[in-house]
Amino acid sequence: MTVLVVTGTGTEIGKTVTTAAVAAAALAAGRSVAVLKPAQTGVGPGERGDADEVTRLVGGGVTAVELARYPEPLAPATAALRAGLPPVRPYEVAEAAAKLATDHDLVLVEGAGGLLVRFDADGGTLADAARQLGAPVLVVAAAGLGTLNSTALTTEALRARDLTPLGVVVGSWPEHPDLAARCNLADFPEVSGTKLLGAIPEGAGTRPDFRASAPSWLAPELAGTWEAAAFAASAEVPPVSAWGERA
């Protein structure tokens, strides 16, 4: 796996922190890493974008590239139109990622919002870029109530486009998870048809030990040491009753 596309089931669910954790784990495994942010919205000139945040969290050692920046916090196509700036095209994302892959072991392409958020007026999306790259897609999901539907929709949309969902990572696992979050740990694989590959602790982006701890939040498929079964046991996932419902 040279290129990995990172998408979310929505906004503000920990996609950038998850991208940083994957980068940190890969660096710890001795791999060279680049992070590509095709379209950064809601950030003005001189302000830190998501690619910069990944660099901050891992403490350097990552090549960070941003293709376009738009000041308003909107979908990239709308933000580009309102700013009077050229949009990002899926083929440009694919070309940039492929170029980075020539001299990096791993290229992480972090989308904006969800999988089908539009980059341009023609309807180009992150899914189109992933298809041109032939790259697997990591889905970052929320922990609590309502997340199963958005996760299922995202993985179904991937498969409908002949794309491979590598797995699901919970982008912000609460310190005190409620019943829905704990049950979701067992339900994610069933509704998504793929593996649960990690859980990033809530507030991880403020931790001084982020780089050292990141591998413990991710499964071996992402160069980590995290195990879904052990994590579910520690989270006290409710057992399923004889009636097929959780007791």
Protein backbone atom coordinates (compact mmCIF):
# COMPACT_ATOMS: atom_id res chain seq x y z
CA MET A 1 0.00 0.00 0.00
CA THR A 2 1.69 3.18 -1.23
CA VAL A 3 -1.30 5.54 -1.33
CA LEU A 4 -4.08 5.53 1.25
CA VAL A 5 -7.09 7.83 0.95
CA VAL A 6 -8.61 8.99 4.24
CA THR A 7 -12.25 10.04 4.25
CA GLY A 8 -14.80 10.71 6.95
CA THR A 9 -18.46 9.92 7.41
CA GLY A 10 -18.93 13.65 8.03
CA THR A 11 -17.13 16.71 9.34
CA GLU A 12 -15.46 17.31 12.69
CA ILE A 13 -15.05 13.63 13.56
CA GLY A 14 -11.27 13.42 13.91
CA LYS A 15 -10.16 12.84 10.32
CA THR A 16 -7.03 15.00 10.56
CA VAL A 17 -5.98 13.53 13.92
CA THR A 18 -6.50 10.04 12.50
CA THR A 19 -4.41 10.92 9.45
CA ALA A 20 -1.67 12.15 11.80
CA ALA A 21 -1.86 8.95 13.85
CA VAL A 22 -1.47 6.79 10.72
CA ALA A 23 1.48 8.95 9.67
CA ALA A 24 3.09 8.63 13.11
CA ALA A 25 2.69 4.85 13.15
CA ALA A 26 4.20 4.58 9.68
CA LEU A 27 7.14 6.76 10.70
CA ALA A 28 7.69 4.56 13.76
CA ALA A 29 7.81 1.57 11.42
CA GLY A 30 10.59 3.24 9.44
CA ARG A 31 8.52 4.38 6.47
CA SER A 32 8.76 7.76 4.74
CA VAL A 33 5.42 9.59 4.69
CA ALA A 34 3.75 12.36 2.71
CA VAL A 35 0.37 13.91 3.51
CA LEU A 36 -1.66 15.46 0.69
CA LYS A 37 -4.59 17.79 1.39
CA PRO A 38 -6.32 18.41 -1.95
CA ALA A 39 -8.62 21.22 -0.83
CA GLN A 40 -8.31 23.15 2.43
CA THR A 41 -11.35 25.26 3.25
CA GLY A 42 -12.12 27.68 6.05
CA VAL A 43 -8.50 28.78 6.47
CA GLY A 44 -6.99 32.08 5.41
CA PRO A 45 -3.49 32.92 4.14
CA GLY A 46 -0.82 32.26 6.74
CA GLU A 47 -3.12 30.16 8.95
CA ARG A 48 -2.45 26.52 9.75
CA GLY A 49 -4.28 23.99 7.62
CA ASP A 50 -4.89 20.29 8.16
CA ALA A 51 -1.62 19.28 6.52
CA ASP A 52 0.23 21.65 8.86
CA GLU A 53 -1.63 20.15 11.82
CA VAL A 54 -0.47 16.66 10.85
CA THR A 55 3.11 17.92 10.78
CA ARG A 56 2.67 19.51 14.21
CA LEU A 57 1.19 16.38 15.76
CA VAL A 58 3.87 14.01 14.50
CA GLY A 59 6.67 16.45 15.30
CA GLY A 60 8.00 16.74 11.75
CA GLY A 61 9.46 14.21 9.37
CA VAL A 62 6.41 14.31 7.08
CA THR A 63 6.16 15.92 3.65
CA ALA A 64 2.99 18.06 3.77
CA VAL A 65 1.38 19.26 0.53
CA GLU A 66 -1.75 21.36 0.03
CA LEU A 67 -3.12 21.77 -3.50
CA ALA A 68 -5.65 24.56 -2.95
CA ARG A 69 -6.91 26.79 -0.16
CA TYR A 70 -10.24 28.58 0.09
CA PRO A 71 -11.12 31.00 2.92
CA GLU A 72 -14.74 30.08 3.61
CA PRO A 73 -15.65 26.90 5.55
CA LEU A 74 -17.73 25.34 2.79
CA ALA A 75 -17.60 22.37 0.45
CA PRO A 76 -14.57 22.79 -1.85
CA ALA A 77 -16.61 23.35 -5.03
CA THR A 78 -18.73 26.05 -3.40
CA ALA A 79 -15.77 27.61 -1.59
CA ALA A 80 -13.78 27.81 -4.85
CA LEU A 81 -16.69 29.35 -6.73
CA ARG A 82 -17.36 31.98 -4.08
CA ALA A 83 -13.66 32.86 -3.84
CA GLY A 84 -13.29 33.15 -7.61
CA LEU A 85 -10.50 30.60 -7.52
CA PRO A 86 -9.89 27.50 -9.66
CA PRO A 87 -11.34 24.29 -8.22
CA VAL A 88 -9.34 21.15 -7.55
CA ARG A 89 -9.94 18.38 -10.07
CA PRO A 90 -9.79 14.68 -9.16
CA TYR A 91 -7.12 14.04 -11.79
CA GLU A 92 -4.95 16.74 -10.17
CA VAL A 93 -5.28 14.98 -6.82
CA ALA A 94 -4.36 11.64 -8.41
CA GLU A 95 -1.36 13.14 -10.23
CA ALA A 96 -0.06 14.86 -7.09
CA ALA A 97 -0.42 11.69 -5.00
CA ALA A 98 1.25 9.55 -7.66
CA LYS A 99 4.16 11.98 -7.85
CA LEU A 100 4.62 11.91 -4.07
CA ALA A 101 4.48 8.11 -4.16
CA THR A 102 7.60 7.98 -6.31
CA ASP A 103 9.79 8.99 -3.37
CA HIS A 104 7.68 8.18 -0.28
CA ASP A 105 6.71 4.80 1.15
CA LEU A 106 3.26 6.02 2.11
CA VAL A 107 1.11 8.88 0.80
CA LEU A 108 -1.96 9.82 2.84
CA VAL A 109 -4.62 11.75 0.93
CA GLU A 110 -6.97 13.47 3.38
CA GLY A 111 -10.33 14.51 1.99
CA ALA A 112 -12.61 17.36 3.01
CA GLY A 113 -15.73 16.26 4.88
CA GLY A 114 -17.27 13.10 3.49
CA LEU A 115 -16.51 10.88 0.52
CA LEU A 116 -18.86 12.53 -1.99
CA VAL A 117 -18.28 16.19 -1.14
CA ARG A 118 -17.74 17.95 -4.46
CA PHE A 119 -14.38 19.33 -5.51
CA ASP A 120 -15.65 21.04 -8.67
CA ALA A 121 -18.76 22.03 -10.61
CA ASP A 122 -18.56 18.82 -12.64
CA GLY A 123 -19.22 16.75 -9.53
CA GLY A 124 -15.70 15.42 -9.06
CA THR A 125 -15.11 13.92 -5.61
CA LEU A 126 -12.50 12.26 -3.45
CA ALA A 127 -13.96 8.94 -4.58
CA ASP A 128 -13.06 9.82 -8.17
CA ALA A 129 -9.49 10.60 -7.14
CA ALA A 130 -9.26 7.31 -5.23
CA ARG A 131 -10.52 5.42 -8.25
CA GLN A 132 -7.96 7.03 -10.55
CA LEU A 133 -5.26 6.08 -8.04
CA GLY A 134 -6.60 2.58 -7.46
CA ALA A 135 -6.09 3.29 -3.77
CA PRO A 136 -7.87 1.80 -0.73
CA VAL A 137 -9.91 4.13 1.46
CA LEU A 138 -9.81 4.40 5.24
CA VAL A 139 -13.12 5.52 6.75
CA VAL A 140 -13.06 7.68 9.87
CA ALA A 141 -16.31 7.47 11.83
CA ALA A 142 -17.85 9.02 14.91
CA ALA A 143 -18.29 6.88 18.01
CA GLY A 144 -21.86 7.41 19.13
CA LEU A 145 -25.51 7.20 18.17
CA GLY A 146 -26.20 7.64 14.45
CA THR A 147 -22.75 6.64 13.25
CA LEU A 148 -23.70 3.19 11.97
CA ASN A 149 -25.94 4.57 9.23
CA SER A 150 -23.35 7.06 7.93
CA THR A 151 -20.63 4.42 8.08
CA ALA A 152 -22.75 1.92 6.14
CA LEU A 153 -23.62 4.55 3.52
CA THR A 154 -19.96 5.48 3.07
CA THR A 155 -18.72 1.91 2.65
CA GLU A 156 -21.61 1.08 0.31
CA ALA A 157 -20.76 4.13 -1.80
CA LEU A 158 -17.15 2.93 -1.99
CA ARG A 159 -18.08 -0.54 -3.15
CA ALA A 160 -20.58 0.85 -5.67
CA ARG A 161 -17.61 2.64 -7.27
CA ASP A 162 -15.41 -0.47 -7.19
CA LEU A 163 -13.30 1.02 -4.40
CA THR A 164 -11.93 -0.91 -1.44
CA PRO A 165 -12.70 0.22 2.11
CA LEU A 166 -9.58 -0.70 4.05
CA GLY A 167 -11.39 -0.43 7.36
CA VAL A 168 -12.96 1.91 9.89
CA VAL A 169 -11.26 3.98 12.59
CA VAL A 170 -13.19 5.75 15.33
CA GLY A 171 -11.89 9.29 15.10
CA SER A 172 -12.61 10.35 18.68
CA TRP A 173 -13.26 7.67 21.29
CA PRO A 174 -14.79 9.27 24.41
CA GLU A 175 -13.17 8.89 27.80
CA HIS A 176 -16.54 7.78 29.18
CA PRO A 177 -18.37 6.04 26.30
CA ASP A 178 -22.13 5.66 26.54
CA LEU A 179 -24.08 2.49 25.72
CA ALA A 180 -24.44 3.36 22.02
CA ALA A 181 -20.71 3.92 21.56
CA ARG A 182 -19.83 0.67 23.33
CA CYS A 183 -22.31 -1.33 21.27
CA ASN A 184 -21.09 0.30 18.07
CA LEU A 185 -17.66 -1.29 18.53
CA ALA A 186 -19.21 -4.66 17.85
CA ASP A 187 -21.55 -3.36 15.15
CA PHE A 188 -19.08 -1.44 12.98
CA PRO A 189 -17.70 -4.53 11.18
CA GLU A 190 -21.18 -5.87 10.51
CA VAL A 191 -22.65 -2.68 9.03
CA SER A 192 -19.51 -1.72 7.10
CA GLY A 193 -18.47 -5.16 5.91
CA THR A 194 -14.89 -4.37 6.85
CA LYS A 195 -12.60 -4.33 9.88
CA LEU A 196 -12.47 -1.94 12.79
CA LEU A 197 -8.86 -0.74 12.62
CA GLY A 198 -8.53 1.59 15.58
CA ALA A 199 -9.92 4.11 18.01
CA ILE A 200 -8.28 7.50 18.56
CA PRO A 201 -8.77 8.80 22.12
CA GLU A 202 -10.82 11.93 22.54
CA GLY A 203 -8.48 14.91 22.87
CA ALA A 204 -5.53 13.04 21.33
CA GLY A 205 -4.59 16.14 19.35
CA THR A 206 -3.54 17.91 22.55
CA ARG A 207 -1.35 15.12 23.91
CA PRO A 208 2.41 15.76 24.10
CA ASP A 209 3.05 12.02 23.59
CA PHE A 210 1.00 11.86 20.39
CA ARG A 211 3.73 10.44 18.13
CA ALA A 212 4.85 7.82 20.64
CA SER A 213 1.29 6.74 21.49
CA ALA A 214 -0.22 6.69 18.00
CA PRO A 215 0.70 3.06 17.16
CA SER A 216 -1.25 1.87 20.23
CA TRP A 217 -4.43 3.39 18.75
CA LEU A 218 -4.20 1.62 15.39
CA ALA A 219 -4.35 -2.00 14.21
CA PRO A 220 -1.41 -3.84 12.58
CA GLU A 221 -2.85 -3.08 9.12
CA LEU A 222 -1.96 0.55 9.90
CA ALA A 223 1.42 -0.29 11.46
CA GLY A 224 0.01 -0.24 14.98
CA THR A 225 -0.51 -2.63 17.87
CA TRP A 226 -4.20 -2.03 18.68
CA GLU A 227 -6.50 -5.09 18.83
CA ALA A 228 -10.24 -4.74 18.34
CA ALA A 229 -11.20 -7.66 20.60
CA ALA A 230 -9.07 -6.49 23.49
CA PHE A 231 -10.32 -2.92 23.13
CA ALA A 232 -13.95 -4.06 23.08
CA ALA A 233 -13.35 -6.09 26.23
CA SER A 234 -11.80 -3.11 27.99
CA ALA A 235 -14.74 -0.97 26.91
CA GLU A 236 -17.16 -3.54 28.38
CA VAL A 237 -19.21 -4.02 25.21
CA PRO A 238 -22.61 -5.41 26.30
CA PRO A 239 -23.14 -9.09 25.41
CA VAL A 240 -25.84 -10.18 22.96
CA SER A 241 -28.82 -11.95 24.52
CA ALA A 242 -30.44 -15.15 23.27
CA TRP A 243 -33.06 -13.00 21.51
CA GLY A 244 -30.42 -11.43 19.27
CA GLU A 245 -30.41 -8.15 21.14
CA ARG A 246 -27.75 -6.76 23.43
CA ALA A 247 -28.41 -7.59 27.03
